[in-house]
PDB file of N, CA and C in Angstrom:
ATOM      1  N   MET A   1     105.063 118.475 103.856  1.00  0.00           N
ATOM      2  CA  MET A   1     104.778 117.140 103.548  1.00  0.00           C
ATOM      3  C   MET A   1     104.242 116.894 102.558  1.00  0.00           C
ATOM      4  N   VAL A   2     104.377 115.634 101.957  1.00  0.00           N
ATOM      5  CA  VAL A   2     102.903 115.168 101.135  1.00  0.00           C
ATOM      6  C   VAL A   2     103.062 113.621 101.316  1.00  0.00           C
ATOM      7  N   LEU A   3     102.049 112.951 101.549  1.00  0.00           N
ATOM      8  CA  LEU A   3     101.838 111.337 101.738  1.00  0.00           C
ATOM      9  C   LEU A   3     101.134 110.780 100.686  1.00  0.00           C
ATOM     10  N   GLY A   4     101.319 109.768 100.343  1.00  0.00           N
ATOM     11  CA  GLY A   4     100.850 109.456  99.284  1.00  0.00           C
ATOM     12  C   GLY A   4     101.230 107.818  99.177  1.00  0.00           C
ATOM     13  N   ILE A   5     100.164 106.903  98.328  1.00  0.00           N
ATOM     14  CA  ILE A   5     100.279 105.768  98.335  1.00  0.00           C
ATOM     15  C   ILE A   5     100.552 104.949  97.207  1.00  0.00           C
ATOM     16  N   ARG A   6     101.384 104.408  97.481  1.00  0.00           N
ATOM     17  CA  ARG A   6     101.943 103.530  95.809  1.00  0.00           C
ATOM     18  C   ARG A   6     101.153 102.719  95.521  1.00  0.00           C
ATOM     19  N   LYS A   7     100.529 102.792  94.221  1.00  0.00           N
ATOM     20  CA  LYS A   7      99.309 102.224  93.351  1.00  0.00           C
ATOM     21  C   LYS A   7     100.091 101.647  92.439  1.00  0.00           C
ATOM     22  N   SER A   8     100.425  99.847  92.440  1.00  0.00           N
ATOM     23  CA  SER A   8     101.190  99.122  90.929  1.00  0.00           C
ATOM     24  C   SER A   8     100.419  97.844  91.611  1.00  0.00           C
ATOM     25  N   ALA A   9     100.845  97.304  90.413  1.00  0.00           N
ATOM     26  CA  ALA A   9     100.179  95.929  90.640  1.00  0.00           C
ATOM     27  C   ALA A   9     100.854  94.857  91.421  1.00  0.00           C
ATOM     28  N   ASP A  10     101.915  95.411  91.974  1.00  0.00           N
ATOM     29  CA  ASP A  10     103.015  94.079  92.503  1.00  0.00           C
ATOM     30  C   ASP A  10     102.561  95.305  93.706  1.00  0.00           C
ATOM     31  N   VAL A  11     102.039  95.893  94.341  1.00  0.00           N
ATOM     32  CA  VAL A  11     101.682  96.189  95.590  1.00  0.00           C
ATOM     33  C   VAL A  11     100.258  95.728  96.196  1.00  0.00           C
ATOM     34  N   GLN A  12     100.080  95.332  97.497  1.00  0.00           N
ATOM     35  CA  GLN A  12      98.765  95.532  97.941  1.00  0.00           C
ATOM     36  C   GLN A  12      98.183  96.022  98.772  1.00  0.00           C
ATOM     37  N   ILE A  13      97.117  97.382  98.785  1.00  0.00           N
ATOM     38  CA  ILE A  13      96.917  98.461  99.864  1.00  0.00           C
ATOM     39  C   ILE A  13      95.900  97.394 100.618  1.00  0.00           C
ATOM     40  N   ASN A  14      96.131  97.703 101.861  1.00  0.00           N
ATOM     41  CA  ASN A  14      95.432  97.662 103.322  1.00  0.00           C
ATOM     42  C   ASN A  14      94.439  98.805 103.244  1.00  0.00           C
ATOM     43  N   TYR A  15      93.125  97.964 103.408  1.00  0.00           N
ATOM     44  CA  TYR A  15      92.075  99.309 103.619  1.00  0.00           C
ATOM     45  C   TYR A  15      91.421  98.943 105.106  1.00  0.00           C
ATOM     46  N   GLY A  16      91.921  98.869 105.474  1.00  0.00           N
ATOM     47  CA  GLY A  16      91.744  98.964 106.688  1.00  0.00           C
ATOM     48  C   GLY A  16      90.457  97.894 107.662  1.00  0.00           C
ATOM     49  N   THR A  17      90.057  97.478 106.699  1.00  0.00           N
ATOM     50  CA  THR A  17      88.566  96.500 106.708  1.00  0.00           C
ATOM     51  C   THR A  17      88.740  95.418 107.855  1.00  0.00           C
ATOM     52  N   GLY A  18      90.000  94.672 108.443  1.00  0.00           N
ATOM     53  CA  GLY A  18      90.410  93.759 108.984  1.00  0.00           C
ATOM     54  C   GLY A  18      89.970  92.229 108.095  1.00  0.00           C
ATOM     55  N   LYS A  19      89.657  92.512 107.013  1.00  0.00           N
ATOM     56  CA  LYS A  19      89.874  91.198 106.136  1.00  0.00           C
ATOM     57  C   LYS A  19      91.159  90.940 105.617  1.00  0.00           C
ATOM     58  N   ASP A  20      91.530  89.724 105.556  1.00  0.00           N
ATOM     59  CA  ASP A  20      93.189  89.549 104.354  1.00  0.00           C
ATOM     60  C   ASP A  20      92.904  90.548 103.704  1.00  0.00           C
ATOM     61  N   ILE A  21      94.273  91.403 103.531  1.00  0.00           N
ATOM     62  CA  ILE A  21      94.487  92.238 102.608  1.00  0.00           C
ATOM     63  C   ILE A  21      94.300  91.639 101.236  1.00  0.00           C
ATOM     64  N   SER A  22      94.771  90.453 101.056  1.00  0.00           N
ATOM     65  CA  SER A  22      94.803  90.215  99.523  1.00  0.00           C
ATOM     66  C   SER A  22      93.178  89.345  99.066  1.00  0.00           C
ATOM     67  N   GLU A  23      92.004  89.565 100.036  1.00  0.00           N
ATOM     68  CA  GLU A  23      90.842  90.074  99.155  1.00  0.00           C
ATOM     69  C   GLU A  23      90.018  90.933  99.609  1.00  0.00           C
ATOM     70  N   GLU A  24      90.630  92.105  99.794  1.00  0.00           N
ATOM     71  CA  GLU A  24      90.311  93.712 100.278  1.00  0.00           C
ATOM     72  C   GLU A  24      89.937  94.103  98.677  1.00  0.00           C
ATOM     73  N   THR A  25      88.895  94.861  98.955  1.00  0.00           N
ATOM     74  CA  THR A  25      88.882  95.699  97.438  1.00  0.00           C
ATOM     75  C   THR A  25      88.248  97.175  97.927  1.00  0.00           C
ATOM     76  N   ILE A  26      88.492  98.267  96.945  1.00  0.00           N
ATOM     77  CA  ILE A  26      87.731  99.430  97.544  1.00  0.00           C
ATOM     78  C   ILE A  26      86.611  99.869  97.843  1.00  0.00           C
ATOM     79  N   THR A  27      86.049  99.102  97.525  1.00  0.00           N
ATOM     80  CA  THR A  27      84.467  98.692  97.532  1.00  0.00           C
ATOM     81  C   THR A  27      84.488  98.476  99.676  1.00  0.00           C
ATOM     82  N   ASP A  28      85.263  97.717  99.758  1.00  0.00           N
ATOM     83  CA  ASP A  28      85.490  97.098 101.226  1.00  0.00           C
ATOM     84  C   ASP A  28      85.722  98.843 102.247  1.00  0.00           C
ATOM     85  N   ALA A  29      86.284  99.305 101.476  1.00  0.00           N
ATOM     86  CA  ALA A  29      87.241 100.558 102.366  1.00  0.00           C
ATOM     87  C   ALA A  29      85.783 101.637 102.934  1.00  0.00           C
ATOM     88  N   LYS A  30      84.887 101.715 102.678  1.00  0.00           N
ATOM     89  CA  LYS A  30      83.906 102.578 102.889  1.00  0.00           C
ATOM     90  C   LYS A  30      83.956 103.848 103.115  1.00  0.00           C
ATOM     91  N   GLU A  31      84.466 104.457 103.954  1.00  0.00           N
ATOM     92  CA  GLU A  31      85.246 105.887 104.355  1.00  0.00           C
ATOM     93  C   GLU A  31      86.610 106.242 103.927  1.00  0.00           C
ATOM     94  N   PRO A  32      86.644 107.092 103.490  1.00  0.00           N
ATOM     95  CA  PRO A  32      88.014 107.715 103.484  1.00  0.00           C
ATOM     96  C   PRO A  32      88.965 107.986 104.806  1.00  0.00           C
ATOM     97  N   LEU A  33      90.133 107.657 104.485  1.00  0.00           N
ATOM     98  CA  LEU A  33      91.313 107.865 105.256  1.00  0.00           C
ATOM     99  C   LEU A  33      91.481 109.516 105.771  1.00  0.00           C
ATOM    100  N   GLU A  34      91.301 109.727 107.160  1.00  0.00           N
ATOM    101  CA  GLU A  34      90.927 111.271 107.671  1.00  0.00           C
ATOM    102  C   GLU A  34      92.183 111.302 108.495  1.00  0.00           C
ATOM    103  N   ILE A  35      93.603 112.266 108.493  1.00  0.00           N
ATOM    104  CA  ILE A  35      94.534 112.913 109.061  1.00  0.00           C
ATOM    105  C   ILE A  35      94.313 114.052 109.544  1.00  0.00           C
ATOM    106  N   LYS A  36      94.480 114.443 110.481  1.00  0.00           N
ATOM    107  CA  LYS A  36      94.090 115.586 111.416  1.00  0.00           C
ATOM    108  C   LYS A  36      95.410 115.545 112.302  1.00  0.00           C
ATOM    109  N   TRP A  37      95.824 117.270 111.896  1.00  0.00           N
ATOM    110  CA  TRP A  37      97.149 117.183 112.264  1.00  0.00           C
ATOM    111  C   TRP A  37      96.847 118.738 113.781  1.00  0.00           C
ATOM    112  N   TYR A  38      97.407 118.540 114.151  1.00  0.00           N
ATOM    113  CA  TYR A  38      97.418 119.503 115.699  1.00  0.00           C
ATOM    114  C   TYR A  38      98.349 119.926 116.071  1.00  0.00           C
ATOM    115  N   ASN A  39      98.464 121.291 116.900  1.00  0.00           N
ATOM    116  CA  ASN A  39      99.685 122.078 117.069  1.00  0.00           C
ATOM    117  C   ASN A  39     100.992 121.275 117.602  1.00  0.00           C
ATOM    118  N   ASN A  40     100.651 119.920 118.104  1.00  0.00           N
ATOM    119  CA  ASN A  40     101.552 119.268 119.075  1.00  0.00           C
ATOM    120  C   ASN A  40     101.957 117.825 118.323  1.00  0.00           C
ATOM    121  N   SER A  41     101.373 117.830 116.569  1.00  0.00           N
ATOM    122  CA  SER A  41     101.473 116.776 116.049  1.00  0.00           C
ATOM    123  C   SER A  41     103.193 116.734 115.239  1.00  0.00           C
ATOM    124  N   TYR A  42     103.723 115.844 115.132  1.00  0.00           N
ATOM    125  CA  TYR A  42     104.782 116.113 114.423  1.00  0.00           C
ATOM    126  C   TYR A  42     104.937 114.034 113.886  1.00  0.00           C
ATOM    127  N   ILE A  43     106.239 114.448 112.819  1.00  0.00           N
ATOM    128  CA  ILE A  43     106.530 113.408 112.202  1.00  0.00           C
ATOM    129  C   ILE A  43     108.183 113.116 112.594  1.00  0.00           C
ATOM    130  N   GLU A  44     108.086 112.040 113.242  1.00  0.00           N
ATOM    131  CA  GLU A  44     109.619 111.586 113.106  1.00  0.00           C
ATOM    132  C   GLU A  44     110.217 110.425 112.422  1.00  0.00           C
ATOM    133  N   ILE A  45     111.200 110.886 111.600  1.00  0.00           N
ATOM    134  CA  ILE A  45     112.208 110.152 110.019  1.00  0.00           C
ATOM    135  C   ILE A  45     113.784 110.261 111.460  1.00  0.00           C
ATOM    136  N   PRO A  46     113.723 109.044 111.214  1.00  0.00           N
ATOM    137  CA  PRO A  46     115.193 108.881 112.279  1.00  0.00           C
ATOM    138  C   PRO A  46     116.494 108.429 110.721  1.00  0.00           C
ATOM    139  N   VAL A  47     117.042 109.053 110.872  1.00  0.00           N
ATOM    140  CA  VAL A  47     118.165 109.401 110.134  1.00  0.00           C
ATOM    141  C   VAL A  47     119.827 108.640 110.406  1.00  0.00           C
ATOM    142  N   ILE A  48     120.147 107.768 109.926  1.00  0.00           N
ATOM    143  CA  ILE A  48     121.230 106.973 110.197  1.00  0.00           C
ATOM    144  C   ILE A  48     122.684 107.866 109.938  1.00  0.00           C
TER     145      ILE A  48
END
C-alpha cells in the first residue's frame, strides 16, 4: 500500500500543531510523521 498526501493549491494540509489549519506552515510541523506497522496492524477499507 502506498500512502500519499495530496498537495495542491485548493487543499489545506494539517501539520498537527494544534493551530488553526489555515495558519499552519511547514516550519510549524517540526518532526516528520512516522508510521510504524506491526504484525497485528491492518487497514480496513469499507466496500459497499
